[in-house]
Amino acid sequence: MTIKPLADRVLVKIEELQEKTASGIFIPQTAQEKTQIGSVVAVGEGTEEVKMTVKVGDRVMHDKYSGTSVKADGVEYLILSMKDILAIIE
């Protein structure tokens, strides 16, 4: 299945990072109260008001509760608005 975002939307593959506590317990990223990180898979064309500043392959940071979750071919993705992307990680 191919997912192509429209307008000012971005398709992001969720990175599953785990953080280890001092006592050795792993906390999955989905349970953390932090921003999330993902890789841009596809980008919409933008609009006259919103120019697309990310490209395929960029690693981005977004708010934990932003976007719409989509599962395709067993992989978790998020469809985000450009305004939901907080930063590009270099």
PDB file of N, CA and C in Angstrom:
ATOM      1  N   MET A   1       0.842  -1.166   0.000  1.00  0.00           N
ATOM      2  CA  MET A   1       0.000   0.000   0.000  1.00  0.00           C
ATOM      3  C   MET A   1       0.898   1.245   0.000  1.00  0.00           C
ATOM      4  N   THR A   2       0.555   2.221  -0.807  1.00  0.00           N
ATOM      5  CA  THR A   2       1.283   3.485  -0.852  1.00  0.00           C
ATOM      6  C   THR A   2       0.409   4.583  -0.270  1.00  0.00           C
ATOM      7  N   ILE A   3       0.989   5.368   0.631  1.00  0.00           N
ATOM      8  CA  ILE A   3       0.267   6.476   1.241  1.00  0.00           C
ATOM      9  C   ILE A   3       0.932   7.767   0.782  1.00  0.00           C
ATOM     10  N   LYS A   4       0.168   8.642   0.127  1.00  0.00           N
ATOM     11  CA  LYS A   4       0.684   9.926  -0.336  1.00  0.00           C
ATOM     12  C   LYS A   4      -0.061  11.037   0.391  1.00  0.00           C
ATOM     13  N   PRO A   5       0.648  11.789   1.244  1.00  0.00           N
ATOM     14  CA  PRO A   5      -0.023  12.875   1.959  1.00  0.00           C
ATOM     15  C   PRO A   5      -0.405  14.011   1.014  1.00  0.00           C
ATOM     16  N   LEU A   6      -1.481  14.709   1.349  1.00  0.00           N
ATOM     17  CA  LEU A   6      -1.977  15.815   0.536  1.00  0.00           C
ATOM     18  C   LEU A   6      -1.692  17.151   1.221  1.00  0.00           C
ATOM     19  N   ALA A   7      -1.684  18.206   0.436  1.00  0.00           N
ATOM     20  CA  ALA A   7      -1.544  19.592   0.901  1.00  0.00           C
ATOM     21  C   ALA A   7      -0.330  19.754   1.819  1.00  0.00           C
ATOM     22  N   ASP A   8      -0.553  20.186   3.063  1.00  0.00           N
ATOM     23  CA  ASP A   8       0.555  20.455   3.985  1.00  0.00           C
ATOM     24  C   ASP A   8       0.770  19.315   4.979  1.00  0.00           C
ATOM     25  N   ARG A   9       0.503  18.096   4.540  1.00  0.00           N
ATOM     26  CA  ARG A   9       0.656  16.921   5.412  1.00  0.00           C
ATOM     27  C   ARG A   9       1.988  16.212   5.130  1.00  0.00           C
ATOM     28  N   VAL A  10       2.483  15.511   6.158  1.00  0.00           N
ATOM     29  CA  VAL A  10       3.745  14.778   6.076  1.00  0.00           C
ATOM     30  C   VAL A  10       3.517  13.386   6.644  1.00  0.00           C
ATOM     31  N   LEU A  11       4.006  12.361   5.953  1.00  0.00           N
ATOM     32  CA  LEU A  11       3.925  10.981   6.435  1.00  0.00           C
ATOM     33  C   LEU A  11       5.239  10.654   7.133  1.00  0.00           C
ATOM     34  N   VAL A  12       5.150  10.263   8.406  1.00  0.00           N
ATOM     35  CA  VAL A  12       6.326  10.017   9.229  1.00  0.00           C
ATOM     36  C   VAL A  12       6.287   8.594   9.765  1.00  0.00           C
ATOM     37  N   LYS A  13       7.417   7.891   9.633  1.00  0.00           N
ATOM     38  CA  LYS A  13       7.551   6.556  10.226  1.00  0.00           C
ATOM     39  C   LYS A  13       8.024   6.749  11.659  1.00  0.00           C
ATOM     40  N   ILE A  14       7.297   6.185  12.577  1.00  0.00           N
ATOM     41  CA  ILE A  14       7.590   6.341  13.996  1.00  0.00           C
ATOM     42  C   ILE A  14       8.839   5.548  14.360  1.00  0.00           C
ATOM     43  N   GLU A  15       9.770   6.192  15.048  1.00  0.00           N
ATOM     44  CA  GLU A  15      10.958   5.498  15.556  1.00  0.00           C
ATOM     45  C   GLU A  15      10.649   4.982  16.941  1.00  0.00           C
ATOM     46  N   GLU A  16      10.858   3.707  17.140  1.00  0.00           N
ATOM     47  CA  GLU A  16      10.597   3.099  18.442  1.00  0.00           C
ATOM     48  C   GLU A  16      11.873   3.132  19.274  1.00  0.00           C
ATOM     49  N   LEU A  17      12.015   4.176  20.062  1.00  0.00           N
ATOM     50  CA  LEU A  17      13.157   4.323  20.954  1.00  0.00           C
ATOM     51  C   LEU A  17      12.728   3.934  22.357  1.00  0.00           C
ATOM     52  N   GLN A  18      13.631   3.298  23.085  1.00  0.00           N
ATOM     53  CA  GLN A  18      13.347   2.955  24.468  1.00  0.00           C
ATOM     54  C   GLN A  18      14.383   3.625  25.346  1.00  0.00           C
ATOM     55  N   GLU A  19      13.935   4.071  26.486  1.00  0.00           N
ATOM     56  CA  GLU A  19      14.828   4.708  27.436  1.00  0.00           C
ATOM     57  C   GLU A  19      14.956   3.807  28.646  1.00  0.00           C
ATOM     58  N   LYS A  20      16.178   3.639  29.116  1.00  0.00           N
ATOM     59  CA  LYS A  20      16.425   2.775  30.263  1.00  0.00           C
ATOM     60  C   LYS A  20      16.546   3.634  31.522  1.00  0.00           C
ATOM     61  N   THR A  21      15.802   3.259  32.548  1.00  0.00           N
ATOM     62  CA  THR A  21      15.882   3.987  33.813  1.00  0.00           C
ATOM     63  C   THR A  21      17.137   3.570  34.559  1.00  0.00           C
ATOM     64  N   ALA A  22      17.449   4.272  35.638  1.00  0.00           N
ATOM     65  CA  ALA A  22      18.630   3.961  36.443  1.00  0.00           C
ATOM     66  C   ALA A  22      18.562   2.552  37.032  1.00  0.00           C
ATOM     67  N   SER A  23      17.362   2.055  37.267  1.00  0.00           N
ATOM     68  CA  SER A  23      17.211   0.713  37.841  1.00  0.00           C
ATOM     69  C   SER A  23      17.180  -0.383  36.782  1.00  0.00           C
ATOM     70  N   GLY A  24      17.308  -0.003  35.490  1.00  0.00           N
ATOM     71  CA  GLY A  24      17.377  -0.991  34.430  1.00  0.00           C
ATOM     72  C   GLY A  24      16.064  -1.309  33.751  1.00  0.00           C
ATOM     73  N   ILE A  25      15.017  -0.565  34.049  1.00  0.00           N
ATOM     74  CA  ILE A  25      13.710  -0.800  33.431  1.00  0.00           C
ATOM     75  C   ILE A  25      13.634  -0.011  32.130  1.00  0.00           C
ATOM     76  N   PHE A  26      13.197  -0.679  31.051  1.00  0.00           N
ATOM     77  CA  PHE A  26      13.040  -0.014  29.759  1.00  0.00           C
ATOM     78  C   PHE A  26      11.643   0.581  29.656  1.00  0.00           C
ATOM     79  N   ILE A  27      11.585   1.854  29.250  1.00  0.00           N
ATOM     80  CA  ILE A  27      10.310   2.542  29.062  1.00  0.00           C
ATOM     81  C   ILE A  27      10.149   2.789  27.568  1.00  0.00           C
ATOM     82  N   PRO A  28       9.125   2.201  26.935  1.00  0.00           N
ATOM     83  CA  PRO A  28       8.934   2.445  25.507  1.00  0.00           C
ATOM     84  C   PRO A  28       8.599   3.900  25.235  1.00  0.00           C
ATOM     85  N   GLN A  29       8.928   4.371  24.034  1.00  0.00           N
ATOM     86  CA  GLN A  29       8.719   5.766  23.682  1.00  0.00           C
ATOM     87  C   GLN A  29       7.258   6.161  23.800  1.00  0.00           C
ATOM     88  N   THR A  30       6.355   5.239  23.492  1.00  0.00           N
ATOM     89  CA  THR A  30       4.929   5.561  23.536  1.00  0.00           C
ATOM     90  C   THR A  30       4.443   5.844  24.950  1.00  0.00           C
ATOM     91  N   ALA A  31       5.182   5.420  25.978  1.00  0.00           N
ATOM     92  CA  ALA A  31       4.780   5.647  27.359  1.00  0.00           C
ATOM     93  C   ALA A  31       5.458   6.874  27.961  1.00  0.00           C
ATOM     94  N   GLN A  32       6.369   7.483  27.228  1.00  0.00           N
ATOM     95  CA  GLN A  32       7.092   8.636  27.739  1.00  0.00           C
ATOM     96  C   GLN A  32       6.320   9.921  27.474  1.00  0.00           C
ATOM     97  N   GLU A  33       6.487  10.884  28.345  1.00  0.00           N
ATOM     98  CA  GLU A  33       5.821  12.184  28.210  1.00  0.00           C
ATOM     99  C   GLU A  33       6.749  13.177  27.528  1.00  0.00           C
ATOM    100  N   LYS A  34       7.365  12.774  26.441  1.00  0.00           N
ATOM    101  CA  LYS A  34       8.305  13.626  25.732  1.00  0.00           C
ATOM    102  C   LYS A  34       7.839  13.786  24.296  1.00  0.00           C
ATOM    103  N   THR A  35       8.571  14.623  23.576  1.00  0.00           N
ATOM    104  CA  THR A  35       8.305  14.722  22.151  1.00  0.00           C
ATOM    105  C   THR A  35       8.752  13.424  21.491  1.00  0.00           C
ATOM    106  N   GLN A  36       8.228  13.151  20.322  1.00  0.00           N
ATOM    107  CA  GLN A  36       8.522  11.915  19.606  1.00  0.00           C
ATOM    108  C   GLN A  36       9.406  12.219  18.404  1.00  0.00           C
ATOM    109  N   ILE A  37      10.093  11.194  17.915  1.00  0.00           N
ATOM    110  CA  ILE A  37      10.982  11.329  16.762  1.00  0.00           C
ATOM    111  C   ILE A  37      10.544  10.350  15.692  1.00  0.00           C
ATOM    112  N   GLY A  38      10.629  10.788  14.431  1.00  0.00           N
ATOM    113  CA  GLY A  38      10.278   9.925  13.316  1.00  0.00           C
ATOM    114  C   GLY A  38      11.038  10.327  12.071  1.00  0.00           C
ATOM    115  N   SER A  39      10.961   9.485  11.059  1.00  0.00           N
ATOM    116  CA  SER A  39      11.610   9.745   9.774  1.00  0.00           C
ATOM    117  C   SER A  39      10.551  10.058   8.732  1.00  0.00           C
ATOM    118  N   VAL A  40      10.788  11.114   7.951  1.00  0.00           N
ATOM    119  CA  VAL A  40       9.842  11.535   6.923  1.00  0.00           C
ATOM    120  C   VAL A  40       9.893  10.540   5.760  1.00  0.00           C
ATOM    121  N   VAL A  41       8.733   9.987   5.413  1.00  0.00           N
ATOM    122  CA  VAL A  41       8.616   9.002   4.343  1.00  0.00           C
ATOM    123  C   VAL A  41       8.048   9.637   3.074  1.00  0.00           C
ATOM    124  N   ALA A  42       7.107  10.555   3.232  1.00  0.00           N
ATOM    125  CA  ALA A  42       6.484  11.234   2.093  1.00  0.00           C
ATOM    126  C   ALA A  42       6.022  12.615   2.523  1.00  0.00           C
ATOM    127  N   VAL A  43       5.989  13.540   1.559  1.00  0.00           N
ATOM    128  CA  VAL A  43       5.640  14.930   1.844  1.00  0.00           C
ATOM    129  C   VAL A  43       4.601  15.393   0.836  1.00  0.00           C
ATOM    130  N   GLY A  44       3.581  16.108   1.317  1.00  0.00           N
ATOM    131  CA  GLY A  44       2.593  16.704   0.421  1.00  0.00           C
ATOM    132  C   GLY A  44       3.202  17.867  -0.356  1.00  0.00           C
ATOM    133  N   GLU A  45       2.424  18.447  -1.249  1.00  0.00           N
ATOM    134  CA  GLU A  45       2.924  19.524  -2.104  1.00  0.00           C
ATOM    135  C   GLU A  45       2.912  20.885  -1.416  1.00  0.00           C
ATOM    136  N   GLY A  46       2.270  21.013  -0.280  1.00  0.00           N
ATOM    137  CA  GLY A  46       2.173  22.288   0.402  1.00  0.00           C
ATOM    138  C   GLY A  46       0.995  23.092  -0.125  1.00  0.00           C
ATOM    139  N   THR A  47       0.823  24.275   0.422  1.00  0.00           N
ATOM    140  CA  THR A  47      -0.240  25.178  -0.023  1.00  0.00           C
ATOM    141  C   THR A  47       0.379  26.557  -0.222  1.00  0.00           C
ATOM    142  N   GLU A  48      -0.421  27.507  -0.673  1.00  0.00           N
ATOM    143  CA  GLU A  48       0.086  28.865  -0.833  1.00  0.00           C
ATOM    144  C   GLU A  48       0.481  29.466   0.516  1.00  0.00           C
ATOM    145  N   GLU A  49      -0.226  29.097   1.567  1.00  0.00           N
ATOM    146  CA  GLU A  49       0.054  29.616   2.904  1.00  0.00           C
ATOM    147  C   GLU A  49       1.163  28.852   3.621  1.00  0.00           C
ATOM    148  N   VAL A  50       1.279  27.540   3.349  1.00  0.00           N
ATOM    149  CA  VAL A  50       2.232  26.686   4.065  1.00  0.00           C
ATOM    150  C   VAL A  50       3.224  26.090   3.082  1.00  0.00           C
ATOM    151  N   LYS A  51       4.471  26.490   3.204  1.00  0.00           N
ATOM    152  CA  LYS A  51       5.543  25.925   2.375  1.00  0.00           C
ATOM    153  C   LYS A  51       6.149  24.735   3.103  1.00  0.00           C
ATOM    154  N   MET A  52       6.461  23.693   2.377  1.00  0.00           N
ATOM    155  CA  MET A  52       7.019  22.483   2.974  1.00  0.00           C
ATOM    156  C   MET A  52       8.520  22.682   3.215  1.00  0.00           C
ATOM    157  N   THR A  53       8.927  22.562   4.468  1.00  0.00           N
ATOM    158  CA  THR A  53      10.332  22.768   4.818  1.00  0.00           C
ATOM    159  C   THR A  53      11.044  21.467   5.175  1.00  0.00           C
ATOM    160  N   VAL A  54      10.345  20.347   5.074  1.00  0.00           N
ATOM    161  CA  VAL A  54      10.967  19.040   5.308  1.00  0.00           C
ATOM    162  C   VAL A  54      10.979  18.273   4.001  1.00  0.00           C
ATOM    163  N   LYS A  55      11.878  17.294   3.931  1.00  0.00           N
ATOM    164  CA  LYS A  55      11.960  16.450   2.732  1.00  0.00           C
ATOM    165  C   LYS A  55      12.063  14.994   3.165  1.00  0.00           C
ATOM    166  N   VAL A  56      11.842  14.102   2.233  1.00  0.00           N
ATOM    167  CA  VAL A  56      11.921  12.667   2.512  1.00  0.00           C
ATOM    168  C   VAL A  56      13.316  12.343   3.044  1.00  0.00           C
ATOM    169  N   GLY A  57      13.349  11.588   4.127  1.00  0.00           N
ATOM    170  CA  GLY A  57      14.617  11.195   4.745  1.00  0.00           C
ATOM    171  C   GLY A  57      14.975  12.007   5.978  1.00  0.00           C
ATOM    172  N   ASP A  58      14.362  13.176   6.164  1.00  0.00           N
ATOM    173  CA  ASP A  58      14.633  13.994   7.352  1.00  0.00           C
ATOM    174  C   ASP A  58      14.135  13.281   8.599  1.00  0.00           C
ATOM    175  N   ARG A  59      14.883  13.448   9.703  1.00  0.00           N
ATOM    176  CA  ARG A  59      14.406  13.005  11.013  1.00  0.00           C
ATOM    177  C   ARG A  59      13.791  14.217  11.675  1.00  0.00           C
ATOM    178  N   VAL A  60      12.564  14.078  12.155  1.00  0.00           N
ATOM    179  CA  VAL A  60      11.845  15.210  12.726  1.00  0.00           C
ATOM    180  C   VAL A  60      11.359  14.897  14.131  1.00  0.00           C
ATOM    181  N   MET A  61      11.144  15.962  14.880  1.00  0.00           N
ATOM    182  CA  MET A  61      10.607  15.874  16.224  1.00  0.00           C
ATOM    183  C   MET A  61       9.188  16.453  16.182  1.00  0.00           C
ATOM    184  N   HIS A  62       8.258  15.741  16.799  1.00  0.00           N
ATOM    185  CA  HIS A  62       6.876  16.206  16.824  1.00  0.00           C
ATOM    186  C   HIS A  62       6.281  15.951  18.193  1.00  0.00           C
ATOM    187  N   ASP A  63       5.203  16.648  18.481  1.00  0.00           N
ATOM    188  CA  ASP A  63       4.531  16.506  19.759  1.00  0.00           C
ATOM    189  C   ASP A  63       3.933  15.110  19.882  1.00  0.00           C
ATOM    190  N   LYS A  64       3.927  14.566  21.077  1.00  0.00           N
ATOM    191  CA  LYS A  64       3.472  13.192  21.308  1.00  0.00           C
ATOM    192  C   LYS A  64       2.051  12.933  20.833  1.00  0.00           C
ATOM    193  N   TYR A  65       1.145  13.883  21.015  1.00  0.00           N
ATOM    194  CA  TYR A  65      -0.261  13.634  20.713  1.00  0.00           C
ATOM    195  C   TYR A  65      -0.705  14.218  19.382  1.00  0.00           C
ATOM    196  N   SER A  66       0.220  14.603  18.532  1.00  0.00           N
ATOM    197  CA  SER A  66      -0.163  15.200  17.251  1.00  0.00           C
ATOM    198  C   SER A  66      -0.311  14.131  16.173  1.00  0.00           C
ATOM    199  N   GLY A  67      -1.018  14.477  15.121  1.00  0.00           N
ATOM    200  CA  GLY A  67      -1.125  13.612  13.959  1.00  0.00           C
ATOM    201  C   GLY A  67      -2.173  12.524  14.078  1.00  0.00           C
ATOM    202  N   THR A  68      -2.293  11.786  12.976  1.00  0.00           N
ATOM    203  CA  THR A  68      -3.214  10.666  12.869  1.00  0.00           C
ATOM    204  C   THR A  68      -2.406   9.395  12.642  1.00  0.00           C
ATOM    205  N   SER A  69      -2.615   8.403  13.473  1.00  0.00           N
ATOM    206  CA  SER A  69      -1.886   7.141  13.373  1.00  0.00           C
ATOM    207  C   SER A  69      -2.457   6.282  12.250  1.00  0.00           C
ATOM    208  N   VAL A  70      -1.550   5.709  11.451  1.00  0.00           N
ATOM    209  CA  VAL A  70      -1.930   4.850  10.333  1.00  0.00           C
ATOM    210  C   VAL A  70      -1.004   3.634  10.340  1.00  0.00           C
ATOM    211  N   LYS A  71      -1.561   2.460  10.085  1.00  0.00           N
ATOM    212  CA  LYS A  71      -0.744   1.257   9.997  1.00  0.00           C
ATOM    213  C   LYS A  71      -0.864   0.694   8.587  1.00  0.00           C
ATOM    214  N   ALA A  72       0.271   0.512   7.914  1.00  0.00           N
ATOM    215  CA  ALA A  72       0.283  -0.030   6.557  1.00  0.00           C
ATOM    216  C   ALA A  72       1.391  -1.063   6.445  1.00  0.00           C
ATOM    217  N   ASP A  73       1.058  -2.229   5.956  1.00  0.00           N
ATOM    218  CA  ASP A  73       2.020  -3.317   5.798  1.00  0.00           C
ATOM    219  C   ASP A  73       2.759  -3.624   7.102  1.00  0.00           C
ATOM    220  N   GLY A  74       2.049  -3.514   8.221  1.00  0.00           N
ATOM    221  CA  GLY A  74       2.624  -3.849   9.518  1.00  0.00           C
ATOM    222  C   GLY A  74       3.525  -2.778  10.109  1.00  0.00           C
ATOM    223  N   VAL A  75       3.594  -1.603   9.496  1.00  0.00           N
ATOM    224  CA  VAL A  75       4.459  -0.523   9.975  1.00  0.00           C
ATOM    225  C   VAL A  75       3.588   0.638  10.453  1.00  0.00           C
ATOM    226  N   GLU A  76       3.945   1.216  11.606  1.00  0.00           N
ATOM    227  CA  GLU A  76       3.210   2.351  12.164  1.00  0.00           C
ATOM    228  C   GLU A  76       3.714   3.660  11.570  1.00  0.00           C
ATOM    229  N   TYR A  77       2.785   4.477  11.096  1.00  0.00           N
ATOM    230  CA  TYR A  77       3.096   5.791  10.550  1.00  0.00           C
ATOM    231  C   TYR A  77       2.206   6.826  11.229  1.00  0.00           C
ATOM    232  N   LEU A  78       2.611   8.084  11.095  1.00  0.00           N
ATOM    233  CA  LEU A  78       1.786   9.209  11.512  1.00  0.00           C
ATOM    234  C   LEU A  78       1.630  10.144  10.322  1.00  0.00           C
ATOM    235  N   ILE A  79       0.433  10.669  10.144  1.00  0.00           N
ATOM    236  CA  ILE A  79       0.221  11.735   9.170  1.00  0.00           C
ATOM    237  C   ILE A  79       0.115  13.017   9.988  1.00  0.00           C
ATOM    238  N   LEU A  80       1.098  13.909   9.793  1.00  0.00           N
ATOM    239  CA  LEU A  80       1.190  15.144  10.545  1.00  0.00           C
ATOM    240  C   LEU A  80       0.952  16.343   9.642  1.00  0.00           C
ATOM    241  N   SER A  81       0.420  17.409  10.212  1.00  0.00           N
ATOM    242  CA  SER A  81       0.399  18.698   9.526  1.00  0.00           C
ATOM    243  C   SER A  81       1.787  19.298   9.667  1.00  0.00           C
ATOM    244  N   MET A  82       2.175  20.117   8.735  1.00  0.00           N
ATOM    245  CA  MET A  82       3.474  20.777   8.803  1.00  0.00           C
ATOM    246  C   MET A  82       3.616  21.554  10.111  1.00  0.00           C
ATOM    247  N   LYS A  83       2.517  22.136  10.601  1.00  0.00           N
ATOM    248  CA  LYS A  83       2.573  22.917  11.843  1.00  0.00           C
ATOM    249  C   LYS A  83       2.840  22.057  13.080  1.00  0.00           C
ATOM    250  N   ASP A  84       2.618  20.727  12.983  1.00  0.00           N
ATOM    251  CA  ASP A  84       2.852  19.829  14.103  1.00  0.00           C
ATOM    252  C   ASP A  84       4.307  19.418  14.238  1.00  0.00           C
ATOM    253  N   ILE A  85       5.125  19.685  13.227  1.00  0.00           N
ATOM    254  CA  ILE A  85       6.539  19.327  13.273  1.00  0.00           C
ATOM    255  C   ILE A  85       7.268  20.425  14.013  1.00  0.00           C
ATOM    256  N   LEU A  86       7.965  20.041  15.083  1.00  0.00           N
ATOM    257  CA  LEU A  86       8.631  21.010  15.944  1.00  0.00           C
ATOM    258  C   LEU A  86      10.055  21.330  15.478  1.00  0.00           C
ATOM    259  N   ALA A  87      10.764  20.328  14.936  1.00  0.00           N
ATOM    260  CA  ALA A  87      12.161  20.530  14.563  1.00  0.00           C
ATOM    261  C   ALA A  87      12.632  19.444  13.625  1.00  0.00           C
ATOM    262  N   ILE A  88      13.684  19.757  12.867  1.00  0.00           N
ATOM    263  CA  ILE A  88      14.390  18.767  12.059  1.00  0.00           C
ATOM    264  C   ILE A  88      15.660  18.408  12.826  1.00  0.00           C
ATOM    265  N   ILE A  89      15.929  17.128  12.982  1.00  0.00           N
ATOM    266  CA  ILE A  89      17.094  16.667  13.713  1.00  0.00           C
ATOM    267  C   ILE A  89      18.213  16.380  12.712  1.00  0.00           C
ATOM    268  N   GLU A  90      19.344  17.042  12.907  1.00  0.00           N
ATOM    269  CA  GLU A  90      20.478  16.853  11.989  1.00  0.00           C
ATOM    270  C   GLU A  90      21.588  16.086  12.669  1.00  0.00           C
TER     271      GLU A  90
END
